């Protein structure tokens, strides 16, 4: 039994910078995202201050799940930047 090529090809890892406003810093949004959308993450760098915070993540999962997770974060007001290299 081999790995389905469509599923294997659909799995990816992306690097993303998320920016959180003061009202979102206290909520565990990255944890919630990982639970709801079946993505995993590795924190590469982060800063949290009183009025804002940001984190650079490597997110892994099926492309569709990553897209849905990032859209959900954006809809909540999180800044999503995929232009990192």
Protein backbone atom coordinates (compact mmCIF):
# COMPACT_ATOMS: atom_id res chain seq x y z
CA UNK A 1 0.00 0.00 0.00
CA UNK A 2 1.63 3.27 -1.15
CA UNK A 3 1.03 6.88 -0.27
CA UNK A 4 -1.65 8.49 -2.42
CA UNK A 5 0.30 10.91 -4.66
CA UNK A 6 -2.42 13.55 -4.61
CA UNK A 7 -2.37 13.67 -0.81
CA UNK A 8 1.44 13.65 -0.65
CA UNK A 9 1.65 16.49 -3.18
CA UNK A 10 -0.97 18.51 -1.33
CA UNK A 11 1.07 18.53 1.91
CA UNK A 12 3.25 21.60 2.31
CA UNK A 13 5.11 23.86 4.72
CA UNK A 14 4.88 27.65 4.51
CA UNK A 15 6.59 30.40 6.49
CA UNK A 16 4.25 33.14 7.64
CA UNK A 17 4.46 36.23 9.83
CA UNK A 18 1.39 36.82 11.98
CA UNK A 19 0.81 40.20 13.62
CA UNK A 20 -1.56 40.53 16.57
CA UNK A 21 -3.20 43.70 17.87
CA UNK A 22 -3.57 44.42 21.59
CA UNK A 23 -7.06 42.93 21.72
CA UNK A 24 -5.86 39.60 20.27
CA UNK A 25 -2.64 39.03 22.23
CA UNK A 26 -4.25 37.24 25.19
CA UNK A 27 -6.22 34.72 23.09
CA UNK A 28 -4.38 31.46 22.19
CA UNK A 29 -5.13 31.82 18.48
CA UNK A 30 -2.22 29.73 17.20
CA UNK A 31 -3.26 26.82 19.41
CA UNK A 32 -6.91 27.20 18.34
CA UNK A 33 -5.86 27.31 14.67
CA UNK A 34 -3.84 24.12 14.98
CA UNK A 35 -6.70 22.28 16.68
CA UNK A 36 -9.46 23.38 14.31
CA UNK A 37 -7.58 23.19 11.00
CA UNK A 38 -5.27 20.23 11.57
CA UNK A 39 -2.07 22.12 10.87
CA UNK A 40 1.16 21.95 12.82
CA UNK A 41 3.56 24.78 13.42
CA UNK A 42 7.05 25.59 14.53
CA UNK A 43 7.71 29.00 16.04
CA UNK A 44 10.83 30.54 14.50
CA UNK A 45 10.78 33.98 16.09
CA UNK A 46 8.34 36.05 18.13
CA UNK A 47 7.93 39.29 20.03
CA UNK A 48 5.07 40.24 22.33
CA UNK A 49 4.73 43.72 23.78
CA UNK A 50 1.92 45.49 25.63
CA UNK A 51 0.16 46.80 22.54
CA UNK A 52 1.05 44.28 19.83
CA UNK A 53 2.86 41.09 19.02
CA UNK A 54 4.13 39.13 16.07
CA UNK A 55 5.32 35.63 15.38
CA UNK A 56 7.05 33.93 12.47
CA UNK A 57 5.83 30.36 12.02
CA UNK A 58 6.56 27.45 9.75
CA UNK A 59 3.09 25.96 9.20
CA UNK A 60 2.72 22.41 7.88
CA UNK A 61 -0.31 20.56 6.66
CA UNK A 62 -2.50 19.90 3.68
CA UNK A 63 -2.57 23.01 1.48
CA UNK A 64 -6.34 23.42 1.83
CA UNK A 65 -6.09 23.30 5.65
CA UNK A 66 -3.29 25.87 5.65
CA UNK A 67 -5.33 28.18 3.42
CA UNK A 68 -8.41 27.83 5.64
CA UNK A 69 -6.37 28.44 8.80
CA UNK A 70 -4.77 31.60 7.40
CA UNK A 71 -8.13 32.90 6.17
CA UNK A 72 -9.64 32.28 9.63
CA UNK A 73 -6.81 34.23 11.29
CA UNK A 74 -7.20 37.08 8.79
CA UNK A 75 -10.96 37.23 9.42
CA UNK A 76 -10.26 37.56 13.16
CA UNK A 77 -8.05 40.58 12.50
CA UNK A 78 -4.62 38.96 12.57
CA UNK A 79 -2.15 40.38 10.05
CA UNK A 80 -1.00 37.58 7.73
CA UNK A 81 2.20 38.07 5.70
CA UNK A 82 3.30 35.29 3.35
CA UNK A 83 6.06 37.26 1.64
CA UNK A 84 8.85 35.86 3.86
CA UNK A 85 11.62 33.86 2.27
